[in-house]
Every structure is written in structure tokens, then in C-alpha cells.
């Protein structure tokens, strides 16, 4: 599956032009391309490995759900 990042890399290599990922996305939309989803899952997809990853690895790396407290970027003291 092609992603905007892959298309960005291809454009850079082929035409020596630098675009941002969001710029490539807008460019592709202007050209009439839309987001494409595969009709069926990949043949190599291993549901057992995916389930095991979700149970073990994802639990270790997922965000805690708590957001950091808001702070000011200003260096001045509060009044």
C-alpha cells in the first residue's frame, strides 16, 4: 500500500523536489486521488501474532491516558 510518506520519498528521488507529507496529501487530492483501503486483508496476516502483540507489547508502550498538567511557556512570574 502506498502512503503519502512513500509518495513524498518517490517525488524527492525522481524530481528532486521536497514536499511535506501533508503537502503530498493535498497534491494527490487535487489530482483526484483518494484514500484507498484494501478489499481483503493481506494473505500474510497472522491474527494470533497480532493478538499477542496487543496483549503484551501494546500494554507496555501505549500512552497512560493521563495528560500532563498545563503549564505556561512564559518565563515571567505569576502575579
PDB file of N, CA and C in Angstrom:
ATOM      1  N   UNK A   1       0.844  -1.166   0.000  1.00  0.00           N
ATOM      2  CA  UNK A   1       0.000   0.000   0.000  1.00  0.00           C
ATOM      3  C   UNK A   1       0.899   1.241   0.000  1.00  0.00           C
ATOM      4  N   UNK A   2       0.565   2.195  -0.816  1.00  0.00           N
ATOM      5  CA  UNK A   2       1.310   3.442  -0.882  1.00  0.00           C
ATOM      6  C   UNK A   2       0.804   4.384   0.193  1.00  0.00           C
ATOM      7  N   UNK A   3       1.705   5.068   0.820  1.00  0.00           N
ATOM      8  CA  UNK A   3       1.349   6.090   1.798  1.00  0.00           C
ATOM      9  C   UNK A   3       1.862   7.431   1.288  1.00  0.00           C
ATOM     10  N   UNK A   4       1.360   8.501   1.887  1.00  0.00           N
ATOM     11  CA  UNK A   4       1.815   9.830   1.487  1.00  0.00           C
ATOM     12  C   UNK A   4       3.324   9.968   1.717  1.00  0.00           C
ATOM     13  N   UNK A   5       3.827   9.340   2.769  1.00  0.00           N
ATOM     14  CA  UNK A   5       5.266   9.408   3.042  1.00  0.00           C
ATOM     15  C   UNK A   5       6.061   8.705   1.937  1.00  0.00           C
ATOM     16  N   UNK A   6       5.554   7.585   1.452  1.00  0.00           N
ATOM     17  CA  UNK A   6       6.243   6.878   0.370  1.00  0.00           C
ATOM     18  C   UNK A   6       6.194   7.681  -0.921  1.00  0.00           C
ATOM     19  N   UNK A   7       5.055   8.294  -1.198  1.00  0.00           N
ATOM     20  CA  UNK A   7       4.929   9.119  -2.405  1.00  0.00           C
ATOM     21  C   UNK A   7       5.862  10.322  -2.293  1.00  0.00           C
ATOM     22  N   UNK A   8       5.967  10.899  -1.098  1.00  0.00           N
ATOM     23  CA  UNK A   8       6.882  12.024  -0.868  1.00  0.00           C
ATOM     24  C   UNK A   8       8.316  11.624  -1.182  1.00  0.00           C
ATOM     25  N   UNK A   9       8.728  10.460  -0.712  1.00  0.00           N
ATOM     26  CA  UNK A   9      10.078   9.972  -0.979  1.00  0.00           C
ATOM     27  C   UNK A   9      10.294   9.760  -2.472  1.00  0.00           C
ATOM     28  N   UNK A  10       9.309   9.182  -3.142  1.00  0.00           N
ATOM     29  CA  UNK A  10       9.412   8.939  -4.583  1.00  0.00           C
ATOM     30  C   UNK A  10       9.542  10.253  -5.347  1.00  0.00           C
ATOM     31  N   UNK A  11       8.725  11.236  -5.002  1.00  0.00           N
ATOM     32  CA  UNK A  11       8.793  12.543  -5.667  1.00  0.00           C
ATOM     33  C   UNK A  11      10.174  13.163  -5.460  1.00  0.00           C
ATOM     34  N   UNK A  12      10.683  13.075  -4.235  1.00  0.00           N
ATOM     35  CA  UNK A  12      12.001  13.631  -3.946  1.00  0.00           C
ATOM     36  C   UNK A  12      13.099  12.974  -4.754  1.00  0.00           C
ATOM     37  N   UNK A  13      13.058  11.646  -4.863  1.00  0.00           N
ATOM     38  CA  UNK A  13      14.093  10.922  -5.606  1.00  0.00           C
ATOM     39  C   UNK A  13      13.987  11.154  -7.105  1.00  0.00           C
ATOM     40  N   UNK A  14      12.762  11.183  -7.599  1.00  0.00           N
ATOM     41  CA  UNK A  14      12.547  11.267  -9.045  1.00  0.00           C
ATOM     42  C   UNK A  14      12.722  12.688  -9.579  1.00  0.00           C
ATOM     43  N   UNK A  15      12.200  13.679  -8.846  1.00  0.00           N
ATOM     44  CA  UNK A  15      12.166  15.049  -9.360  1.00  0.00           C
ATOM     45  C   UNK A  15      13.007  16.028  -8.554  1.00  0.00           C
ATOM     46  N   UNK A  16      13.643  15.576  -7.491  1.00  0.00           N
ATOM     47  CA  UNK A  16      14.489  16.429  -6.646  1.00  0.00           C
ATOM     48  C   UNK A  16      13.722  17.634  -6.121  1.00  0.00           C
ATOM     49  N   UNK A  17      12.481  17.377  -5.678  1.00  0.00           N
ATOM     50  CA  UNK A  17      11.619  18.396  -5.087  1.00  0.00           C
ATOM     51  C   UNK A  17      11.217  17.910  -3.707  1.00  0.00           C
ATOM     52  N   UNK A  18      11.205  18.803  -2.737  1.00  0.00           N
ATOM     53  CA  UNK A  18      10.852  18.425  -1.376  1.00  0.00           C
ATOM     54  C   UNK A  18       9.438  18.886  -1.048  1.00  0.00           C
ATOM     55  N   UNK A  19       8.597  17.958  -0.621  1.00  0.00           N
ATOM     56  CA  UNK A  19       7.247  18.239  -0.157  1.00  0.00           C
ATOM     57  C   UNK A  19       7.099  17.710   1.255  1.00  0.00           C
ATOM     58  N   UNK A  20       6.194  18.292   2.024  1.00  0.00           N
ATOM     59  CA  UNK A  20       5.842  17.721   3.316  1.00  0.00           C
ATOM     60  C   UNK A  20       4.819  16.614   3.057  1.00  0.00           C
ATOM     61  N   UNK A  21       4.601  15.771   4.039  1.00  0.00           N
ATOM     62  CA  UNK A  21       3.620  14.689   3.881  1.00  0.00           C
ATOM     63  C   UNK A  21       2.227  15.282   3.662  1.00  0.00           C
ATOM     64  N   UNK A  22       1.896  16.326   4.421  1.00  0.00           N
ATOM     65  CA  UNK A  22       0.579  16.941   4.236  1.00  0.00           C
ATOM     66  C   UNK A  22       0.478  17.612   2.866  1.00  0.00           C
ATOM     67  N   UNK A  23       1.578  18.151   2.371  1.00  0.00           N
ATOM     68  CA  UNK A  23       1.585  18.742   1.035  1.00  0.00           C
ATOM     69  C   UNK A  23       1.349  17.707  -0.044  1.00  0.00           C
ATOM     70  N   UNK A  24       1.952  16.535   0.113  1.00  0.00           N
ATOM     71  CA  UNK A  24       1.734  15.442  -0.844  1.00  0.00           C
ATOM     72  C   UNK A  24       0.275  15.001  -0.809  1.00  0.00           C
ATOM     73  N   UNK A  25      -0.289  14.916   0.400  1.00  0.00           N
ATOM     74  CA  UNK A  25      -1.690  14.517   0.529  1.00  0.00           C
ATOM     75  C   UNK A  25      -2.599  15.501  -0.204  1.00  0.00           C
ATOM     76  N   UNK A  26      -2.360  16.806   0.008  1.00  0.00           N
ATOM     77  CA  UNK A  26      -3.178  17.813  -0.685  1.00  0.00           C
ATOM     78  C   UNK A  26      -2.987  17.733  -2.192  1.00  0.00           C
ATOM     79  N   UNK A  27      -1.746  17.539  -2.632  1.00  0.00           N
ATOM     80  CA  UNK A  27      -1.456  17.430  -4.051  1.00  0.00           C
ATOM     81  C   UNK A  27      -2.192  16.241  -4.678  1.00  0.00           C
ATOM     82  N   UNK A  28      -2.143  15.107  -4.014  1.00  0.00           N
ATOM     83  CA  UNK A  28      -2.829  13.925  -4.530  1.00  0.00           C
ATOM     84  C   UNK A  28      -4.336  14.126  -4.587  1.00  0.00           C
ATOM     85  N   UNK A  29      -4.902  14.789  -3.569  1.00  0.00           N
ATOM     86  CA  UNK A  29      -6.347  15.059  -3.584  1.00  0.00           C
ATOM     87  C   UNK A  29      -6.716  15.985  -4.733  1.00  0.00           C
ATOM     88  N   UNK A  30      -5.872  16.997  -4.985  1.00  0.00           N
ATOM     89  CA  UNK A  30      -6.141  17.909  -6.108  1.00  0.00           C
ATOM     90  C   UNK A  30      -6.081  17.184  -7.444  1.00  0.00           C
ATOM     91  N   UNK A  31      -5.252  16.134  -7.500  1.00  0.00           N
ATOM     92  CA  UNK A  31      -5.129  15.366  -8.738  1.00  0.00           C
ATOM     93  C   UNK A  31      -6.236  14.323  -8.879  1.00  0.00           C
ATOM     94  N   UNK A  32      -7.099  14.211  -7.870  1.00  0.00           N
ATOM     95  CA  UNK A  32      -8.233  13.299  -7.958  1.00  0.00           C
ATOM     96  C   UNK A  32      -8.028  11.964  -7.266  1.00  0.00           C
ATOM     97  N   UNK A  33      -6.909  11.792  -6.586  1.00  0.00           N
ATOM     98  CA  UNK A  33      -6.676  10.540  -5.866  1.00  0.00           C
ATOM     99  C   UNK A  33      -7.351  10.615  -4.501  1.00  0.00           C
ATOM    100  N   UNK A  34      -7.809   9.474  -4.027  1.00  0.00           N
ATOM    101  CA  UNK A  34      -8.442   9.422  -2.719  1.00  0.00           C
ATOM    102  C   UNK A  34      -7.820   8.297  -1.901  1.00  0.00           C
ATOM    103  N   UNK A  35      -8.157   8.267  -0.624  1.00  0.00           N
ATOM    104  CA  UNK A  35      -7.643   7.228   0.262  1.00  0.00           C
ATOM    105  C   UNK A  35      -8.198   5.883  -0.195  1.00  0.00           C
ATOM    106  N   UNK A  36      -7.340   4.923  -0.290  1.00  0.00           N
ATOM    107  CA  UNK A  36      -7.747   3.593  -0.736  1.00  0.00           C
ATOM    108  C   UNK A  36      -7.537   2.596   0.393  1.00  0.00           C
ATOM    109  N   UNK A  37      -8.477   1.708   0.569  1.00  0.00           N
ATOM    110  CA  UNK A  37      -8.358   0.650   1.566  1.00  0.00           C
ATOM    111  C   UNK A  37      -8.365  -0.691   0.831  1.00  0.00           C
ATOM    112  N   UNK A  38      -7.567  -1.648   1.294  1.00  0.00           N
ATOM    113  CA  UNK A  38      -7.560  -2.951   0.638  1.00  0.00           C
ATOM    114  C   UNK A  38      -8.918  -3.643   0.801  1.00  0.00           C
ATOM    115  N   UNK A  39      -9.325  -4.385  -0.227  1.00  0.00           N
ATOM    116  CA  UNK A  39     -10.607  -5.079  -0.207  1.00  0.00           C
ATOM    117  C   UNK A  39     -10.578  -6.227   0.792  1.00  0.00           C
ATOM    118  N   UNK A  40      -9.450  -6.896   0.877  1.00  0.00           N
ATOM    119  CA  UNK A  40      -9.324  -8.020   1.801  1.00  0.00           C
ATOM    120  C   UNK A  40      -8.010  -7.911   2.562  1.00  0.00           C
ATOM    121  N   UNK A  41      -7.922  -8.554   3.723  1.00  0.00           N
ATOM    122  CA  UNK A  41      -6.670  -8.487   4.479  1.00  0.00           C
ATOM    123  C   UNK A  41      -5.532  -9.186   3.742  1.00  0.00           C
ATOM    124  N   UNK A  42      -4.323  -8.822   4.075  1.00  0.00           N
ATOM    125  CA  UNK A  42      -3.155  -9.429   3.444  1.00  0.00           C
ATOM    126  C   UNK A  42      -3.098 -10.922   3.757  1.00  0.00           C
ATOM    127  N   UNK A  43      -2.621 -11.692   2.805  1.00  0.00           N
ATOM    128  CA  UNK A  43      -2.515 -13.134   2.986  1.00  0.00           C
ATOM    129  C   UNK A  43      -1.524 -13.482   4.092  1.00  0.00           C
ATOM    130  N   UNK A  44      -0.539 -12.619   4.323  1.00  0.00           N
ATOM    131  CA  UNK A  44       0.493 -12.877   5.331  1.00  0.00           C
ATOM    132  C   UNK A  44       0.038 -12.522   6.739  1.00  0.00           C
ATOM    133  N   UNK A  45      -1.148 -11.967   6.882  1.00  0.00           N
ATOM    134  CA  UNK A  45      -1.634 -11.505   8.180  1.00  0.00           C
ATOM    135  C   UNK A  45      -1.771 -12.678   9.152  1.00  0.00           C
ATOM    136  N   UNK A  46      -1.187 -12.527  10.328  1.00  0.00           N
ATOM    137  CA  UNK A  46      -1.215 -13.572  11.347  1.00  0.00           C
ATOM    138  C   UNK A  46      -2.011 -13.050  12.541  1.00  0.00           C
ATOM    139  N   UNK A  47      -3.269 -13.442  12.632  1.00  0.00           N
ATOM    140  CA  UNK A  47      -4.160 -12.943  13.674  1.00  0.00           C
ATOM    141  C   UNK A  47      -3.662 -13.287  15.076  1.00  0.00           C
ATOM    142  N   UNK A  48      -3.075 -14.476  15.257  1.00  0.00           N
ATOM    143  CA  UNK A  48      -2.570 -14.871  16.576  1.00  0.00           C
ATOM    144  C   UNK A  48      -1.417 -13.970  17.012  1.00  0.00           C
ATOM    145  N   UNK A  49      -0.508 -13.652  16.085  1.00  0.00           N
ATOM    146  CA  UNK A  49       0.613 -12.769  16.403  1.00  0.00           C
ATOM    147  C   UNK A  49       0.120 -11.363  16.724  1.00  0.00           C
ATOM    148  N   UNK A  50      -0.897 -10.900  16.022  1.00  0.00           N
ATOM    149  CA  UNK A  50      -1.459  -9.572  16.273  1.00  0.00           C
ATOM    150  C   UNK A  50      -2.088  -9.520  17.654  1.00  0.00           C
ATOM    151  N   UNK A  51      -2.860 -10.554  18.008  1.00  0.00           N
ATOM    152  CA  UNK A  51      -3.496 -10.602  19.327  1.00  0.00           C
ATOM    153  C   UNK A  51      -2.452 -10.638  20.437  1.00  0.00           C
ATOM    154  N   UNK A  52      -1.395 -11.414  20.249  1.00  0.00           N
ATOM    155  CA  UNK A  52      -0.329 -11.497  21.252  1.00  0.00           C
ATOM    156  C   UNK A  52       0.366 -10.152  21.400  1.00  0.00           C
ATOM    157  N   UNK A  53       0.608  -9.462  20.298  1.00  0.00           N
ATOM    158  CA  UNK A  53       1.250  -8.144  20.343  1.00  0.00           C
ATOM    159  C   UNK A  53       0.384  -7.157  21.116  1.00  0.00           C
ATOM    160  N   UNK A  54      -0.937  -7.182  20.853  1.00  0.00           N
ATOM    161  CA  UNK A  54      -1.840  -6.264  21.554  1.00  0.00           C
ATOM    162  C   UNK A  54      -1.837  -6.515  23.053  1.00  0.00           C
ATOM    163  N   UNK A  55      -1.797  -7.771  23.447  1.00  0.00           N
ATOM    164  CA  UNK A  55      -1.852  -8.104  24.870  1.00  0.00           C
ATOM    165  C   UNK A  55      -0.557  -7.771  25.603  1.00  0.00           C
ATOM    166  N   UNK A  56       0.574  -7.970  24.964  1.00  0.00           N
ATOM    167  CA  UNK A  56       1.853  -7.805  25.645  1.00  0.00           C
ATOM    168  C   UNK A  56       2.503  -6.463  25.310  1.00  0.00           C
ATOM    169  N   UNK A  57       2.889  -6.276  24.079  1.00  0.00           N
ATOM    170  CA  UNK A  57       3.680  -5.111  23.690  1.00  0.00           C
ATOM    171  C   UNK A  57       2.885  -3.813  23.799  1.00  0.00           C
ATOM    172  N   UNK A  58       1.649  -3.808  23.303  1.00  0.00           N
ATOM    173  CA  UNK A  58       0.870  -2.575  23.312  1.00  0.00           C
ATOM    174  C   UNK A  58       0.619  -2.100  24.739  1.00  0.00           C
ATOM    175  N   UNK A  59       0.409  -3.011  25.660  1.00  0.00           N
ATOM    176  CA  UNK A  59       0.192  -2.631  27.051  1.00  0.00           C
ATOM    177  C   UNK A  59       1.419  -1.921  27.631  1.00  0.00           C
ATOM    178  N   UNK A  60       2.593  -2.253  27.136  1.00  0.00           N
ATOM    179  CA  UNK A  60       3.818  -1.636  27.626  1.00  0.00           C
ATOM    180  C   UNK A  60       4.074  -0.258  27.016  1.00  0.00           C
ATOM    181  N   UNK A  61       3.662  -0.048  25.775  1.00  0.00           N
ATOM    182  CA  UNK A  61       4.014   1.197  25.080  1.00  0.00           C
ATOM    183  C   UNK A  61       2.875   2.192  24.936  1.00  0.00           C
ATOM    184  N   UNK A  62       1.643   1.801  25.200  1.00  0.00           N
ATOM    185  CA  UNK A  62       0.533   2.725  24.984  1.00  0.00           C
ATOM    186  C   UNK A  62       0.584   3.871  25.979  1.00  0.00           C
ATOM    187  N   UNK A  63       0.049   5.031  25.583  1.00  0.00           N
ATOM    188  CA  UNK A  63       0.031   6.172  26.489  1.00  0.00           C
ATOM    189  C   UNK A  63      -0.836   5.862  27.718  1.00  0.00           C
ATOM    190  N   UNK A  64      -0.534   6.509  28.833  1.00  0.00           N
ATOM    191  CA  UNK A  64      -1.233   6.218  30.077  1.00  0.00           C
ATOM    192  C   UNK A  64      -2.661   6.741  30.100  1.00  0.00           C
ATOM    193  N   UNK A  65      -2.987   7.684  29.251  1.00  0.00           N
ATOM    194  CA  UNK A  65      -4.324   8.251  29.248  1.00  0.00           C
ATOM    195  C   UNK A  65      -4.385   9.546  30.039  1.00  0.00           C
ATOM    196  N   UNK A  66      -3.427   9.748  30.928  1.00  0.00           N
ATOM    197  CA  UNK A  66      -3.357  10.995  31.683  1.00  0.00           C
ATOM    198  C   UNK A  66      -2.548  11.998  30.896  1.00  0.00           C
ATOM    199  N   UNK A  67      -3.090  13.173  30.761  1.00  0.00           N
ATOM    200  CA  UNK A  67      -2.370  14.231  30.056  1.00  0.00           C
ATOM    201  C   UNK A  67      -1.567  15.033  31.062  1.00  0.00           C
ATOM    202  N   UNK A  68      -0.428  15.543  30.641  1.00  0.00           N
ATOM    203  CA  UNK A  68       0.354  16.359  31.566  1.00  0.00           C
ATOM    204  C   UNK A  68      -0.400  17.645  31.916  1.00  0.00           C
ATOM    205  N   UNK A  69      -0.134  18.149  33.097  1.00  0.00           N
ATOM    206  CA  UNK A  69      -0.788  19.381  33.535  1.00  0.00           C
ATOM    207  C   UNK A  69      -0.371  20.532  32.639  1.00  0.00           C
ATOM    208  N   UNK A  70      -1.291  21.449  32.452  1.00  0.00           N
ATOM    209  CA  UNK A  70      -0.974  22.620  31.632  1.00  0.00           C
ATOM    210  C   UNK A  70       0.056  23.480  32.340  1.00  0.00           C
ATOM    211  N   UNK A  71       0.963  23.986  31.571  1.00  0.00           N
ATOM    212  CA  UNK A  71       1.961  24.885  32.124  1.00  0.00           C
ATOM    213  C   UNK A  71       2.159  26.038  31.157  1.00  0.00           C
ATOM    214  N   UNK A  72       2.729  27.064  31.654  1.00  0.00           N
ATOM    215  CA  UNK A  72       2.965  28.241  30.847  1.00  0.00           C
ATOM    216  C   UNK A  72       4.355  28.188  30.235  1.00  0.00           C
ATOM    217  N   UNK A  73       4.472  28.634  29.018  1.00  0.00           N
ATOM    218  CA  UNK A  73       5.760  28.712  28.360  1.00  0.00           C
ATOM    219  C   UNK A  73       6.463  30.020  28.714  1.00  0.00           C
ATOM    220  N   UNK A  74       5.751  30.886  29.395  1.00  0.00           N
ATOM    221  CA  UNK A  74       6.313  32.192  29.749  1.00  0.00           C
ATOM    222  C   UNK A  74       7.305  32.044  30.895  1.00  0.00           C
ATOM    223  N   UNK A  75       8.385  32.818  30.852  1.00  0.00           N
ATOM    224  CA  UNK A  75       9.380  32.776  31.927  1.00  0.00           C
ATOM    225  C   UNK A  75       9.091  33.799  33.007  1.00  0.00           C
ATOM    226  N   UNK A  76       8.027  34.575  32.835  1.00  0.00           N
ATOM    227  CA  UNK A  76       7.714  35.582  33.835  1.00  0.00           C
ATOM    228  C   UNK A  76       6.995  34.936  35.013  1.00  0.00           C
ATOM    229  N   UNK A  77       7.074  35.574  36.173  1.00  0.00           N
ATOM    230  CA  UNK A  77       6.421  35.047  37.362  1.00  0.00           C
ATOM    231  C   UNK A  77       4.940  35.423  37.333  1.00  0.00           C
ATOM    232  N   UNK A  78       4.148  34.583  37.964  1.00  0.00           N
ATOM    233  CA  UNK A  78       2.727  34.888  38.076  1.00  0.00           C
ATOM    234  C   UNK A  78       2.523  36.059  39.016  1.00  0.00           C
ATOM    235  N   UNK A  79       1.482  36.841  38.777  1.00  0.00           N
ATOM    236  CA  UNK A  79       1.202  38.000  39.623  1.00  0.00           C
ATOM    237  C   UNK A  79       0.552  37.585  40.917  1.00  0.00           C
TER     238      UNK A  79
END
